[in-house]
Amino acid sequence: MAADTGFRLERGEPGTLAVSGVLGFPTAAEAWQTLDGALRAGDRSTLDLAGVRSCDSAGLACVLAVLAAARVRGQVVSLRHVPDGLRTLAQVSGVEAFLAPA
């Protein structure tokens, strides 16, 4: 059986988008478009990353780009349940402060 390498986005509790699967080179472009589009709809302001199984530098860049685009639109988006691997990658890259709440 092949490993699931997909990215998924579901509406979670009110105001929340639940992200799951893989945030990486194979999925980053799709993830960015999907996340940005969902946040543009305006009724969601929290990304819950509890379901993210794997994240590489492209996944980190995707999350940072989504947060930056939302900020430009005047949206405040918060992150919940940031996986340890993503947080560590952000620390090593010197961008952890961008994952903090605005």
N, C-alpha and C. Protein backbone atom coordinates (compact mmCIF):
# COMPACT_ATOMS: atom_id res chain seq x y z
N MET A 1 0.85 -1.18 0.00
CA MET A 1 0.00 0.00 0.00
C MET A 1 0.90 1.24 0.00
N ALA A 2 0.63 2.17 -0.88
CA ALA A 2 1.44 3.39 -0.99
C ALA A 2 1.16 4.33 0.17
N ALA A 3 2.18 5.04 0.58
CA ALA A 3 2.02 6.03 1.66
C ALA A 3 1.21 7.22 1.14
N ASP A 4 0.37 7.75 2.00
CA ASP A 4 -0.42 8.93 1.64
C ASP A 4 0.49 10.15 1.75
N THR A 5 0.70 10.81 0.64
CA THR A 5 1.57 11.99 0.64
C THR A 5 0.79 13.25 0.34
N GLY A 6 -0.52 13.20 0.53
CA GLY A 6 -1.37 14.33 0.20
C GLY A 6 -1.50 15.37 1.29
N PHE A 7 -2.09 16.46 0.90
CA PHE A 7 -2.40 17.58 1.77
C PHE A 7 -3.92 17.68 1.83
N ARG A 8 -4.46 17.93 3.02
CA ARG A 8 -5.90 18.09 3.16
C ARG A 8 -6.22 19.30 4.02
N LEU A 9 -7.34 19.92 3.71
CA LEU A 9 -7.83 21.06 4.48
C LEU A 9 -9.31 20.84 4.73
N GLU A 10 -9.70 20.93 6.00
CA GLU A 10 -11.10 20.75 6.37
C GLU A 10 -11.51 21.88 7.29
N ARG A 11 -12.78 22.20 7.25
CA ARG A 11 -13.31 23.18 8.21
C ARG A 11 -13.41 22.48 9.55
N GLY A 12 -12.76 23.05 10.54
CA GLY A 12 -12.80 22.50 11.89
C GLY A 12 -13.86 23.21 12.70
N GLU A 13 -13.58 23.38 13.97
CA GLU A 13 -14.51 24.12 14.82
C GLU A 13 -14.66 25.54 14.28
N PRO A 14 -15.65 26.28 14.74
CA PRO A 14 -15.88 27.62 14.20
C PRO A 14 -14.61 28.48 14.15
N GLY A 15 -14.36 29.07 12.98
CA GLY A 15 -13.21 29.94 12.80
C GLY A 15 -11.91 29.23 12.52
N THR A 16 -11.96 27.90 12.38
CA THR A 16 -10.73 27.12 12.27
C THR A 16 -10.69 26.30 10.98
N LEU A 17 -9.52 26.27 10.37
CA LEU A 17 -9.24 25.38 9.25
C LEU A 17 -8.26 24.33 9.75
N ALA A 18 -8.60 23.07 9.60
CA ALA A 18 -7.75 21.97 10.05
C ALA A 18 -6.90 21.49 8.88
N VAL A 19 -5.59 21.58 9.05
CA VAL A 19 -4.64 21.18 8.02
C VAL A 19 -4.11 19.80 8.40
N SER A 20 -4.05 18.90 7.42
CA SER A 20 -3.51 17.57 7.71
C SER A 20 -2.74 17.05 6.51
N GLY A 21 -1.96 16.02 6.77
CA GLY A 21 -1.17 15.39 5.72
C GLY A 21 0.24 15.91 5.68
N VAL A 22 0.72 16.11 4.46
CA VAL A 22 2.12 16.49 4.24
C VAL A 22 2.18 17.91 3.69
N LEU A 23 3.01 18.74 4.32
CA LEU A 23 3.33 20.07 3.80
C LEU A 23 4.78 20.01 3.35
N GLY A 24 4.98 19.86 2.06
CA GLY A 24 6.34 19.72 1.56
C GLY A 24 6.44 20.07 0.09
N PHE A 25 7.60 19.81 -0.49
CA PHE A 25 7.83 20.16 -1.89
C PHE A 25 6.73 19.64 -2.81
N PRO A 26 6.26 18.39 -2.65
CA PRO A 26 5.23 17.91 -3.58
C PRO A 26 3.86 18.58 -3.40
N THR A 27 3.60 19.16 -2.24
CA THR A 27 2.26 19.68 -1.95
C THR A 27 2.21 21.18 -1.69
N ALA A 28 3.34 21.85 -1.61
CA ALA A 28 3.37 23.25 -1.16
C ALA A 28 2.55 24.19 -2.05
N ALA A 29 2.64 24.06 -3.35
CA ALA A 29 1.90 24.97 -4.24
C ALA A 29 0.39 24.79 -4.07
N GLU A 30 -0.06 23.54 -4.07
CA GLU A 30 -1.48 23.26 -3.86
C GLU A 30 -1.93 23.74 -2.48
N ALA A 31 -1.10 23.48 -1.48
CA ALA A 31 -1.44 23.89 -0.10
C ALA A 31 -1.57 25.40 -0.02
N TRP A 32 -0.63 26.12 -0.62
CA TRP A 32 -0.70 27.59 -0.57
C TRP A 32 -1.98 28.09 -1.21
N GLN A 33 -2.30 27.60 -2.40
CA GLN A 33 -3.51 28.05 -3.09
C GLN A 33 -4.76 27.73 -2.29
N THR A 34 -4.82 26.53 -1.73
CA THR A 34 -5.99 26.10 -0.97
C THR A 34 -6.14 26.91 0.31
N LEU A 35 -5.05 27.07 1.06
CA LEU A 35 -5.10 27.82 2.31
C LEU A 35 -5.42 29.29 2.07
N ASP A 36 -4.74 29.88 1.09
CA ASP A 36 -4.98 31.29 0.81
C ASP A 36 -6.43 31.52 0.37
N GLY A 37 -6.94 30.65 -0.48
CA GLY A 37 -8.32 30.78 -0.93
C GLY A 37 -9.31 30.65 0.21
N ALA A 38 -9.07 29.70 1.10
CA ALA A 38 -9.97 29.50 2.24
C ALA A 38 -9.93 30.70 3.18
N LEU A 39 -8.75 31.26 3.40
CA LEU A 39 -8.65 32.43 4.28
C LEU A 39 -9.25 33.67 3.62
N ARG A 40 -9.17 33.77 2.31
CA ARG A 40 -9.78 34.90 1.60
C ARG A 40 -11.29 34.90 1.77
N ALA A 41 -11.87 33.72 1.99
CA ALA A 41 -13.32 33.63 2.21
C ALA A 41 -13.71 34.41 3.45
N GLY A 42 -12.74 34.63 4.34
CA GLY A 42 -12.92 35.57 5.44
C GLY A 42 -13.51 35.06 6.74
N ASP A 43 -14.05 33.85 6.76
CA ASP A 43 -14.69 33.41 8.00
C ASP A 43 -13.80 32.52 8.86
N ARG A 44 -12.56 32.34 8.46
CA ARG A 44 -11.64 31.49 9.22
C ARG A 44 -10.41 32.29 9.59
N SER A 45 -9.97 32.16 10.83
CA SER A 45 -8.82 32.94 11.26
C SER A 45 -7.79 32.13 12.04
N THR A 46 -8.01 30.82 12.16
CA THR A 46 -7.07 29.95 12.85
C THR A 46 -6.75 28.75 11.97
N LEU A 47 -5.45 28.45 11.86
CA LEU A 47 -5.01 27.23 11.18
C LEU A 47 -4.58 26.24 12.25
N ASP A 48 -5.24 25.11 12.30
CA ASP A 48 -4.89 24.04 13.24
C ASP A 48 -4.02 23.05 12.50
N LEU A 49 -2.76 22.96 12.90
CA LEU A 49 -1.78 22.12 12.21
C LEU A 49 -1.57 20.77 12.88
N ALA A 50 -2.46 20.38 13.78
CA ALA A 50 -2.30 19.13 14.53
C ALA A 50 -2.18 17.91 13.61
N GLY A 51 -2.84 17.94 12.47
CA GLY A 51 -2.83 16.78 11.58
C GLY A 51 -1.68 16.73 10.59
N VAL A 52 -0.77 17.69 10.66
CA VAL A 52 0.37 17.69 9.73
C VAL A 52 1.36 16.61 10.17
N ARG A 53 1.56 15.63 9.30
CA ARG A 53 2.44 14.50 9.62
C ARG A 53 3.89 14.79 9.28
N SER A 54 4.11 15.62 8.27
CA SER A 54 5.46 15.88 7.79
C SER A 54 5.52 17.27 7.18
N CYS A 55 6.64 17.95 7.41
CA CYS A 55 6.81 19.29 6.87
C CYS A 55 8.29 19.53 6.58
N ASP A 56 8.58 20.03 5.39
CA ASP A 56 9.95 20.38 5.04
C ASP A 56 10.04 21.90 4.82
N SER A 57 11.16 22.36 4.28
CA SER A 57 11.34 23.80 4.12
C SER A 57 10.30 24.42 3.18
N ALA A 58 9.84 23.68 2.19
CA ALA A 58 8.79 24.20 1.30
C ALA A 58 7.48 24.35 2.06
N GLY A 59 7.20 23.43 2.96
CA GLY A 59 6.00 23.53 3.80
C GLY A 59 6.07 24.72 4.73
N LEU A 60 7.24 24.95 5.32
CA LEU A 60 7.43 26.12 6.17
C LEU A 60 7.23 27.39 5.35
N ALA A 61 7.82 27.44 4.17
CA ALA A 61 7.66 28.62 3.31
C ALA A 61 6.19 28.83 2.95
N CYS A 62 5.46 27.76 2.73
CA CYS A 62 4.03 27.85 2.43
C CYS A 62 3.28 28.49 3.58
N VAL A 63 3.52 28.01 4.79
CA VAL A 63 2.83 28.56 5.97
C VAL A 63 3.17 30.04 6.13
N LEU A 64 4.45 30.37 6.00
CA LEU A 64 4.86 31.77 6.14
C LEU A 64 4.24 32.65 5.06
N ALA A 65 4.16 32.15 3.82
CA ALA A 65 3.56 32.92 2.73
C ALA A 65 2.07 33.15 2.96
N VAL A 66 1.39 32.14 3.46
CA VAL A 66 -0.05 32.27 3.75
C VAL A 66 -0.26 33.31 4.84
N LEU A 67 0.56 33.26 5.89
CA LEU A 67 0.44 34.24 6.98
C LEU A 67 0.73 35.65 6.47
N ALA A 68 1.76 35.79 5.63
CA ALA A 68 2.12 37.11 5.10
C ALA A 68 1.01 37.67 4.20
N ALA A 69 0.46 36.83 3.33
CA ALA A 69 -0.61 37.29 2.44
C ALA A 69 -1.84 37.72 3.24
N ALA A 70 -2.16 36.97 4.27
CA ALA A 70 -3.30 37.33 5.13
C ALA A 70 -3.03 38.67 5.82
N ARG A 71 -1.81 38.85 6.30
CA ARG A 71 -1.45 40.09 6.99
C ARG A 71 -1.59 41.29 6.05
N VAL A 72 -1.18 41.13 4.80
CA VAL A 72 -1.31 42.21 3.80
C VAL A 72 -2.78 42.58 3.61
N ARG A 73 -3.66 41.59 3.69
CA ARG A 73 -5.11 41.85 3.54
C ARG A 73 -5.73 42.39 4.82
N GLY A 74 -4.93 42.49 5.88
CA GLY A 74 -5.46 42.98 7.15
C GLY A 74 -6.06 41.89 8.02
N GLN A 75 -5.86 40.63 7.65
CA GLN A 75 -6.36 39.51 8.44
C GLN A 75 -5.33 39.12 9.49
N VAL A 76 -5.81 38.75 10.64
CA VAL A 76 -4.94 38.18 11.67
C VAL A 76 -5.24 36.69 11.70
N VAL A 77 -4.24 35.89 11.38
CA VAL A 77 -4.39 34.44 11.36
C VAL A 77 -3.47 33.86 12.43
N SER A 78 -4.03 33.02 13.27
CA SER A 78 -3.21 32.39 14.30
C SER A 78 -3.02 30.91 13.96
N LEU A 79 -1.96 30.36 14.51
CA LEU A 79 -1.64 28.94 14.33
C LEU A 79 -1.87 28.21 15.63
N ARG A 80 -2.37 27.01 15.51
CA ARG A 80 -2.58 26.17 16.69
C ARG A 80 -1.95 24.81 16.42
N HIS A 81 -1.41 24.21 17.45
CA HIS A 81 -0.82 22.87 17.38
C HIS A 81 0.27 22.78 16.31
N VAL A 82 1.20 23.72 16.34
CA VAL A 82 2.32 23.69 15.39
C VAL A 82 3.19 22.48 15.72
N PRO A 83 3.39 21.58 14.76
CA PRO A 83 4.20 20.39 15.03
C PRO A 83 5.63 20.76 15.44
N ASP A 84 6.21 19.93 16.30
CA ASP A 84 7.57 20.19 16.77
C ASP A 84 8.56 20.31 15.62
N GLY A 85 8.42 19.46 14.61
CA GLY A 85 9.34 19.51 13.47
C GLY A 85 9.28 20.82 12.72
N LEU A 86 8.09 21.36 12.56
CA LEU A 86 7.92 22.65 11.88
C LEU A 86 8.50 23.77 12.73
N ARG A 87 8.25 23.72 14.02
CA ARG A 87 8.79 24.74 14.92
C ARG A 87 10.33 24.69 14.93
N THR A 88 10.89 23.48 14.97
CA THR A 88 12.35 23.34 14.97
C THR A 88 12.94 23.87 13.66
N LEU A 89 12.31 23.54 12.55
CA LEU A 89 12.77 24.04 11.25
C LEU A 89 12.73 25.57 11.22
N ALA A 90 11.68 26.15 11.77
CA ALA A 90 11.57 27.61 11.83
C ALA A 90 12.67 28.21 12.71
N GLN A 91 12.98 27.54 13.84
CA GLN A 91 14.05 28.02 14.72
C GLN A 91 15.39 28.01 14.00
N VAL A 92 15.70 26.89 13.36
CA VAL A 92 16.97 26.74 12.65
C VAL A 92 17.07 27.76 11.52
N SER A 93 15.95 28.08 10.91
CA SER A 93 15.92 29.03 9.80
C SER A 93 15.86 30.48 10.25
N GLY A 94 15.69 30.69 11.55
CA GLY A 94 15.63 32.05 12.09
C GLY A 94 14.32 32.77 11.83
N VAL A 95 13.24 32.00 11.62
CA VAL A 95 11.95 32.63 11.32
C VAL A 95 10.86 32.25 12.32
N GLU A 96 11.23 31.70 13.45
CA GLU A 96 10.23 31.25 14.42
C GLU A 96 9.30 32.37 14.87
N ALA A 97 9.82 33.58 14.95
CA ALA A 97 8.99 34.71 15.39
C ALA A 97 7.79 34.92 14.48
N PHE A 98 7.92 34.55 13.21
CA PHE A 98 6.81 34.73 12.27
C PHE A 98 5.67 33.74 12.51
N LEU A 99 5.94 32.68 13.27
CA LEU A 99 4.90 31.70 13.60
C LEU A 99 4.13 32.11 14.84
N ALA A 100 4.64 33.11 15.56
CA ALA A 100 3.98 33.55 16.79
C ALA A 100 2.72 34.34 16.46
N PRO A 101 1.77 34.35 17.37
CA PRO A 101 0.55 35.14 17.14
C PRO A 101 0.88 36.61 16.91
N ALA A 102 0.10 37.24 16.04
CA ALA A 102 0.32 38.66 15.73
C ALA A 102 -0.14 39.54 16.86
